[in-house]
Every structure is written in structure tokens, then in C-alpha cells.
Amino acid sequence: MKHVILAAVVALALTGPAAAIDENGEYTILRTHSCVDWNSAKTNDIHFAGNLAYLAGYFTAMNQYLPGKENWLDKVGIEMAVQATFKYCEDRPDWTAADAIKHLAQKLKDGKLLFQ
């Protein structure tokens, strides 16, 4: 368990995904992976911690900048969000992890079930 916590701390210190939307709704996604790479983290604690940090950062920004809720993961939690992104990536290996997370965010925003 200490190794997982240490890996999470290191991953949080090293990751820095970000996005900024211009006046036309265009934005750049920084530091994303293919869905195949994202799902390979299921068996690697350090990579899993990096994915968790990426996802936590995405939803922290969503919580901060998207009006309507204080916590967009309040009904599902971060663990279920991670599992949902693994499932979306498994179903759509041609996507990037950012595509899967955006899909998850849209489902949460629309009040839809994650696995349907």
C-alpha cells in the first residue's frame, strides 16, 4: 500500500494535463495516451496512479469551471470513473484516453448511467 501511495504522489507531481478553450470552442489536450496504453495501466501500479491523477485533474477542473455542481463525481466516485474509462477504452480502442474521459464527463453532465 505504501508503494501505491508513493506512486500516486510521484504521479501527481509529474503529471500536468491541461486544456484551454478559445472563443471558437477549440482546445488542445496535453499529455494524453491511446486507449490501449490507458488500459495497460490496469496491471501497473505506477501507471494506474498516473491515470488516476489525470482523471482527478480533469474532474477537479470540471468541478471548478463548470457551473451546476460542486462535485461531478459525487454519485459515482473516482474509482467508478476509472473503471468507466477502462470500459470505454476497451470498447473503443481507437480512442484516446481524453476521448474516453470526455465521454464520461458528458454522461455525468447529462445524468446518464456510466455503463450504458
N, C-alpha and C. Protein backbone atom coordinates (compact mmCIF):
# COMPACT_ATOMS: atom_id res chain seq x y z
N MET A 1 0.82 -1.20 0.00
CA MET A 1 0.00 0.00 0.00
C MET A 1 0.86 1.25 0.00
N LYS A 2 1.99 1.20 0.73
CA LYS A 2 2.88 2.36 0.75
C LYS A 2 3.40 2.68 -0.64
N HIS A 3 3.63 1.61 -1.43
CA HIS A 3 4.13 1.82 -2.80
C HIS A 3 3.09 2.51 -3.67
N VAL A 4 1.83 2.16 -3.48
CA VAL A 4 0.76 2.77 -4.27
C VAL A 4 0.62 4.25 -3.91
N ILE A 5 0.68 4.55 -2.62
CA ILE A 5 0.60 5.95 -2.19
C ILE A 5 1.79 6.74 -2.71
N LEU A 6 2.98 6.18 -2.60
CA LEU A 6 4.17 6.85 -3.11
C LEU A 6 4.05 7.07 -4.62
N ALA A 7 3.58 6.05 -5.32
CA ALA A 7 3.41 6.18 -6.78
C ALA A 7 2.41 7.28 -7.10
N ALA A 8 1.33 7.37 -6.33
CA ALA A 8 0.34 8.41 -6.56
C ALA A 8 0.92 9.79 -6.34
N VAL A 9 1.71 9.95 -5.29
CA VAL A 9 2.35 11.24 -5.00
C VAL A 9 3.30 11.62 -6.13
N VAL A 10 4.10 10.66 -6.56
CA VAL A 10 5.05 10.93 -7.66
C VAL A 10 4.30 11.28 -8.93
N ALA A 11 3.25 10.51 -9.23
CA ALA A 11 2.47 10.77 -10.45
C ALA A 11 1.82 12.14 -10.40
N LEU A 12 1.29 12.51 -9.25
CA LEU A 12 0.68 13.84 -9.13
C LEU A 12 1.71 14.94 -9.34
N ALA A 13 2.91 14.70 -8.87
CA ALA A 13 3.96 15.70 -9.03
C ALA A 13 4.42 15.82 -10.48
N LEU A 14 4.34 14.73 -11.22
CA LEU A 14 4.87 14.73 -12.58
C LEU A 14 3.83 15.02 -13.66
N THR A 15 2.56 14.81 -13.37
CA THR A 15 1.56 15.00 -14.40
C THR A 15 1.11 16.44 -14.45
N GLY A 16 0.74 16.86 -15.64
CA GLY A 16 0.28 18.23 -15.78
C GLY A 16 -0.67 18.41 -16.93
N PRO A 17 -1.67 17.54 -17.09
CA PRO A 17 -2.59 17.71 -18.20
C PRO A 17 -3.40 18.99 -18.04
N ALA A 18 -3.69 19.63 -19.15
CA ALA A 18 -4.46 20.86 -19.08
C ALA A 18 -5.16 21.09 -20.41
N ALA A 19 -6.17 21.91 -20.38
CA ALA A 19 -6.88 22.29 -21.60
C ALA A 19 -7.37 23.72 -21.45
N ALA A 20 -7.42 24.44 -22.55
CA ALA A 20 -7.95 25.80 -22.55
C ALA A 20 -8.81 25.95 -23.80
N ILE A 21 -10.00 26.46 -23.65
CA ILE A 21 -10.93 26.60 -24.78
C ILE A 21 -10.88 28.03 -25.28
N ASP A 22 -10.73 28.18 -26.60
CA ASP A 22 -10.73 29.53 -27.17
C ASP A 22 -12.16 29.96 -27.49
N GLU A 23 -12.29 31.13 -28.07
CA GLU A 23 -13.62 31.69 -28.35
C GLU A 23 -14.42 30.87 -29.35
N ASN A 24 -13.75 29.98 -30.12
CA ASN A 24 -14.42 29.14 -31.09
C ASN A 24 -14.73 27.74 -30.55
N GLY A 25 -14.43 27.51 -29.27
CA GLY A 25 -14.67 26.21 -28.67
C GLY A 25 -13.58 25.20 -28.96
N GLU A 26 -12.47 25.64 -29.52
CA GLU A 26 -11.35 24.75 -29.83
C GLU A 26 -10.41 24.70 -28.64
N TYR A 27 -9.79 23.55 -28.43
CA TYR A 27 -8.83 23.42 -27.34
C TYR A 27 -7.82 22.32 -27.66
N THR A 28 -6.72 22.35 -26.93
CA THR A 28 -5.66 21.37 -27.08
C THR A 28 -5.62 20.52 -25.82
N ILE A 29 -5.52 19.23 -25.99
CA ILE A 29 -5.38 18.31 -24.87
C ILE A 29 -3.91 17.98 -24.75
N LEU A 30 -3.37 18.16 -23.57
CA LEU A 30 -1.96 17.91 -23.33
C LEU A 30 -1.77 16.58 -22.62
N ARG A 31 -0.80 15.83 -23.07
CA ARG A 31 -0.36 14.60 -22.39
C ARG A 31 -1.43 13.54 -22.26
N THR A 32 -2.04 13.16 -23.33
CA THR A 32 -3.00 12.06 -23.28
C THR A 32 -2.35 10.81 -23.87
N HIS A 33 -2.99 9.69 -23.69
CA HIS A 33 -2.49 8.41 -24.18
C HIS A 33 -3.56 7.76 -25.06
N SER A 34 -3.14 6.78 -25.82
CA SER A 34 -4.13 5.99 -26.55
C SER A 34 -4.92 5.17 -25.53
N CYS A 35 -6.08 4.72 -25.93
CA CYS A 35 -6.88 3.87 -25.04
C CYS A 35 -6.15 2.56 -24.73
N VAL A 36 -5.40 2.05 -25.69
CA VAL A 36 -4.64 0.82 -25.46
C VAL A 36 -3.63 1.05 -24.34
N ASP A 37 -2.90 2.17 -24.40
CA ASP A 37 -1.93 2.49 -23.34
C ASP A 37 -2.63 2.74 -22.01
N TRP A 38 -3.75 3.46 -22.04
CA TRP A 38 -4.50 3.75 -20.82
C TRP A 38 -4.88 2.44 -20.12
N ASN A 39 -5.41 1.49 -20.89
CA ASN A 39 -5.86 0.23 -20.29
C ASN A 39 -4.72 -0.67 -19.85
N SER A 40 -3.53 -0.47 -20.39
CA SER A 40 -2.39 -1.28 -19.93
C SER A 40 -2.05 -0.97 -18.48
N ALA A 41 -2.53 0.14 -17.96
CA ALA A 41 -2.26 0.53 -16.57
C ALA A 41 -3.00 -0.33 -15.56
N LYS A 42 -3.94 -1.13 -16.02
CA LYS A 42 -4.69 -1.98 -15.09
C LYS A 42 -3.76 -2.89 -14.29
N THR A 43 -2.62 -3.23 -14.86
CA THR A 43 -1.71 -4.17 -14.21
C THR A 43 -0.40 -3.51 -13.75
N ASN A 44 -0.36 -2.20 -13.72
CA ASN A 44 0.86 -1.50 -13.34
C ASN A 44 0.51 -0.38 -12.36
N ASP A 45 0.93 -0.53 -11.11
CA ASP A 45 0.56 0.43 -10.06
C ASP A 45 0.97 1.87 -10.39
N ILE A 46 2.16 2.04 -10.92
CA ILE A 46 2.65 3.41 -11.19
C ILE A 46 1.84 4.04 -12.31
N HIS A 47 1.59 3.30 -13.38
CA HIS A 47 0.80 3.85 -14.47
C HIS A 47 -0.65 4.05 -14.05
N PHE A 48 -1.17 3.15 -13.22
CA PHE A 48 -2.54 3.32 -12.72
C PHE A 48 -2.63 4.61 -11.92
N ALA A 49 -1.63 4.87 -11.09
CA ALA A 49 -1.62 6.11 -10.29
C ALA A 49 -1.57 7.34 -11.20
N GLY A 50 -0.83 7.25 -12.30
CA GLY A 50 -0.79 8.34 -13.26
C GLY A 50 -2.14 8.57 -13.90
N ASN A 51 -2.83 7.49 -14.26
CA ASN A 51 -4.18 7.60 -14.84
C ASN A 51 -5.14 8.22 -13.83
N LEU A 52 -5.03 7.78 -12.58
CA LEU A 52 -5.89 8.31 -11.53
C LEU A 52 -5.65 9.81 -11.36
N ALA A 53 -4.40 10.23 -11.40
CA ALA A 53 -4.07 11.65 -11.27
C ALA A 53 -4.61 12.45 -12.45
N TYR A 54 -4.49 11.90 -13.66
CA TYR A 54 -5.01 12.56 -14.86
C TYR A 54 -6.51 12.76 -14.74
N LEU A 55 -7.21 11.68 -14.35
CA LEU A 55 -8.66 11.73 -14.21
C LEU A 55 -9.07 12.69 -13.10
N ALA A 56 -8.37 12.64 -11.98
CA ALA A 56 -8.69 13.54 -10.86
C ALA A 56 -8.48 15.00 -11.27
N GLY A 57 -7.44 15.26 -12.02
CA GLY A 57 -7.19 16.63 -12.50
C GLY A 57 -8.28 17.10 -13.44
N TYR A 58 -8.72 16.22 -14.32
CA TYR A 58 -9.78 16.57 -15.27
C TYR A 58 -11.06 16.95 -14.52
N PHE A 59 -11.44 16.12 -13.56
CA PHE A 59 -12.68 16.39 -12.85
C PHE A 59 -12.55 17.50 -11.82
N THR A 60 -11.36 17.74 -11.33
CA THR A 60 -11.16 18.91 -10.46
C THR A 60 -11.40 20.17 -11.28
N ALA A 61 -10.87 20.21 -12.50
CA ALA A 61 -11.10 21.37 -13.37
C ALA A 61 -12.58 21.48 -13.73
N MET A 62 -13.21 20.36 -13.99
CA MET A 62 -14.64 20.38 -14.31
C MET A 62 -15.43 20.92 -13.12
N ASN A 63 -15.08 20.47 -11.92
CA ASN A 63 -15.75 20.97 -10.71
C ASN A 63 -15.55 22.48 -10.55
N GLN A 64 -14.37 22.94 -10.88
CA GLN A 64 -14.04 24.34 -10.67
C GLN A 64 -14.68 25.25 -11.72
N TYR A 65 -14.73 24.82 -12.96
CA TYR A 65 -15.12 25.73 -14.03
C TYR A 65 -16.50 25.49 -14.64
N LEU A 66 -17.10 24.33 -14.38
CA LEU A 66 -18.41 24.05 -14.98
C LEU A 66 -19.49 24.24 -13.93
N PRO A 67 -20.31 25.25 -14.09
CA PRO A 67 -21.35 25.50 -13.09
C PRO A 67 -22.39 24.38 -13.05
N GLY A 68 -23.03 24.27 -11.91
CA GLY A 68 -24.13 23.32 -11.79
C GLY A 68 -23.96 22.32 -10.67
N LYS A 69 -22.72 21.97 -10.35
CA LYS A 69 -22.47 21.01 -9.28
C LYS A 69 -21.14 21.35 -8.62
N GLU A 70 -21.04 20.99 -7.36
CA GLU A 70 -19.77 21.14 -6.66
C GLU A 70 -18.82 19.99 -7.00
N ASN A 71 -19.39 18.79 -7.17
CA ASN A 71 -18.57 17.61 -7.44
C ASN A 71 -19.29 16.75 -8.47
N TRP A 72 -18.76 16.72 -9.69
CA TRP A 72 -19.39 15.96 -10.76
C TRP A 72 -19.27 14.46 -10.56
N LEU A 73 -18.41 14.02 -9.66
CA LEU A 73 -18.26 12.59 -9.38
C LEU A 73 -18.96 12.18 -8.09
N ASP A 74 -19.79 13.05 -7.53
CA ASP A 74 -20.37 12.78 -6.22
C ASP A 74 -21.21 11.51 -6.16
N LYS A 75 -21.83 11.12 -7.24
CA LYS A 75 -22.68 9.92 -7.22
C LYS A 75 -21.96 8.66 -7.64
N VAL A 76 -20.79 8.80 -8.25
CA VAL A 76 -20.08 7.61 -8.74
C VAL A 76 -18.72 7.41 -8.09
N GLY A 77 -18.06 8.46 -7.71
CA GLY A 77 -16.73 8.35 -7.11
C GLY A 77 -15.64 8.17 -8.15
N ILE A 78 -14.43 8.43 -7.74
CA ILE A 78 -13.29 8.37 -8.65
C ILE A 78 -13.01 6.93 -9.09
N GLU A 79 -13.22 5.95 -8.21
CA GLU A 79 -12.95 4.56 -8.57
C GLU A 79 -13.85 4.09 -9.70
N MET A 80 -15.15 4.42 -9.60
CA MET A 80 -16.09 4.05 -10.66
C MET A 80 -15.77 4.80 -11.95
N ALA A 81 -15.33 6.03 -11.83
CA ALA A 81 -14.94 6.81 -13.02
C ALA A 81 -13.76 6.15 -13.73
N VAL A 82 -12.79 5.67 -12.96
CA VAL A 82 -11.65 4.97 -13.55
C VAL A 82 -12.13 3.71 -14.28
N GLN A 83 -12.99 2.94 -13.63
CA GLN A 83 -13.49 1.72 -14.26
C GLN A 83 -14.29 2.03 -15.53
N ALA A 84 -15.04 3.12 -15.51
CA ALA A 84 -15.80 3.51 -16.70
C ALA A 84 -14.85 3.87 -17.84
N THR A 85 -13.78 4.59 -17.56
CA THR A 85 -12.85 4.93 -18.64
C THR A 85 -12.16 3.69 -19.18
N PHE A 86 -11.84 2.73 -18.30
CA PHE A 86 -11.29 1.46 -18.79
C PHE A 86 -12.28 0.78 -19.74
N LYS A 87 -13.55 0.78 -19.38
CA LYS A 87 -14.58 0.13 -20.20
C LYS A 87 -14.75 0.86 -21.54
N TYR A 88 -14.81 2.20 -21.50
CA TYR A 88 -14.94 2.96 -22.75
C TYR A 88 -13.74 2.70 -23.66
N CYS A 89 -12.55 2.65 -23.07
CA CYS A 89 -11.35 2.39 -23.87
C CYS A 89 -11.32 0.97 -24.41
N GLU A 90 -11.81 0.03 -23.63
CA GLU A 90 -11.90 -1.35 -24.08
C GLU A 90 -12.85 -1.46 -25.28
N ASP A 91 -13.97 -0.76 -25.20
CA ASP A 91 -14.96 -0.79 -26.28
C ASP A 91 -14.53 -0.02 -27.51
N ARG A 92 -13.65 0.96 -27.34
CA ARG A 92 -13.24 1.84 -28.44
C ARG A 92 -11.73 2.04 -28.43
N PRO A 93 -10.97 1.03 -28.79
CA PRO A 93 -9.51 1.12 -28.72
C PRO A 93 -8.89 2.17 -29.64
N ASP A 94 -9.67 2.66 -30.60
CA ASP A 94 -9.16 3.71 -31.49
C ASP A 94 -9.24 5.09 -30.85
N TRP A 95 -9.90 5.22 -29.70
CA TRP A 95 -9.99 6.49 -28.98
C TRP A 95 -8.71 6.76 -28.21
N THR A 96 -8.57 8.02 -27.79
CA THR A 96 -7.54 8.36 -26.81
C THR A 96 -8.20 8.32 -25.43
N ALA A 97 -7.37 8.31 -24.40
CA ALA A 97 -7.90 8.37 -23.03
C ALA A 97 -8.72 9.65 -22.85
N ALA A 98 -8.28 10.74 -23.46
CA ALA A 98 -9.02 12.00 -23.37
C ALA A 98 -10.42 11.86 -23.96
N ASP A 99 -10.55 11.11 -25.06
CA ASP A 99 -11.88 10.86 -25.65
C ASP A 99 -12.77 10.12 -24.65
N ALA A 100 -12.21 9.11 -24.00
CA ALA A 100 -12.97 8.31 -23.05
C ALA A 100 -13.39 9.15 -21.84
N ILE A 101 -12.50 10.00 -21.36
CA ILE A 101 -12.82 10.84 -20.20
C ILE A 101 -13.86 11.89 -20.58
N LYS A 102 -13.73 12.44 -21.77
CA LYS A 102 -14.74 13.42 -22.24
C LYS A 102 -16.10 12.74 -22.36
N HIS A 103 -16.13 11.51 -22.85
CA HIS A 103 -17.37 10.74 -22.95
C HIS A 103 -17.97 10.53 -21.55
N LEU A 104 -17.13 10.18 -20.60
CA LEU A 104 -17.56 10.01 -19.22
C LEU A 104 -18.13 11.31 -18.66
N ALA A 105 -17.42 12.40 -18.87
CA ALA A 105 -17.87 13.71 -18.38
C ALA A 105 -19.22 14.09 -18.98
N GLN A 106 -19.40 13.83 -20.27
CA GLN A 106 -20.68 14.15 -20.92
C GLN A 106 -21.82 13.32 -20.33
N LYS A 107 -21.56 12.04 -20.08
CA LYS A 107 -22.58 11.19 -19.47
C LYS A 107 -22.96 11.72 -18.09
N LEU A 108 -21.96 12.09 -17.29
CA LEU A 108 -22.24 12.64 -15.96
C LEU A 108 -23.03 13.93 -16.07
N LYS A 109 -22.62 14.79 -16.99
CA LYS A 109 -23.31 16.08 -17.16
C LYS A 109 -24.76 15.88 -17.60
N ASP A 110 -24.99 14.87 -18.42
CA ASP A 110 -26.34 14.58 -18.93
C ASP A 110 -27.16 13.73 -17.97
N GLY A 111 -26.55 13.29 -16.84
CA GLY A 111 -27.26 12.49 -15.87
C GLY A 111 -27.51 11.05 -16.32
N LYS A 112 -26.69 10.54 -17.23
CA LYS A 112 -26.87 9.19 -17.77
C LYS A 112 -26.04 8.19 -16.97
N LEU A 113 -26.42 6.93 -17.06
CA LEU A 113 -25.66 5.86 -16.43
C LEU A 113 -24.33 5.67 -17.15
N LEU A 114 -23.28 5.37 -16.40
CA LEU A 114 -21.95 5.30 -16.98
C LEU A 114 -21.76 4.11 -17.91
N PHE A 115 -22.40 2.99 -17.64
CA PHE A 115 -22.11 1.77 -18.39
C PHE A 115 -23.20 1.42 -19.39
N GLN A 116 -23.96 2.40 -19.83
CA GLN A 116 -24.95 2.15 -20.86
C GLN A 116 -24.66 2.97 -22.09
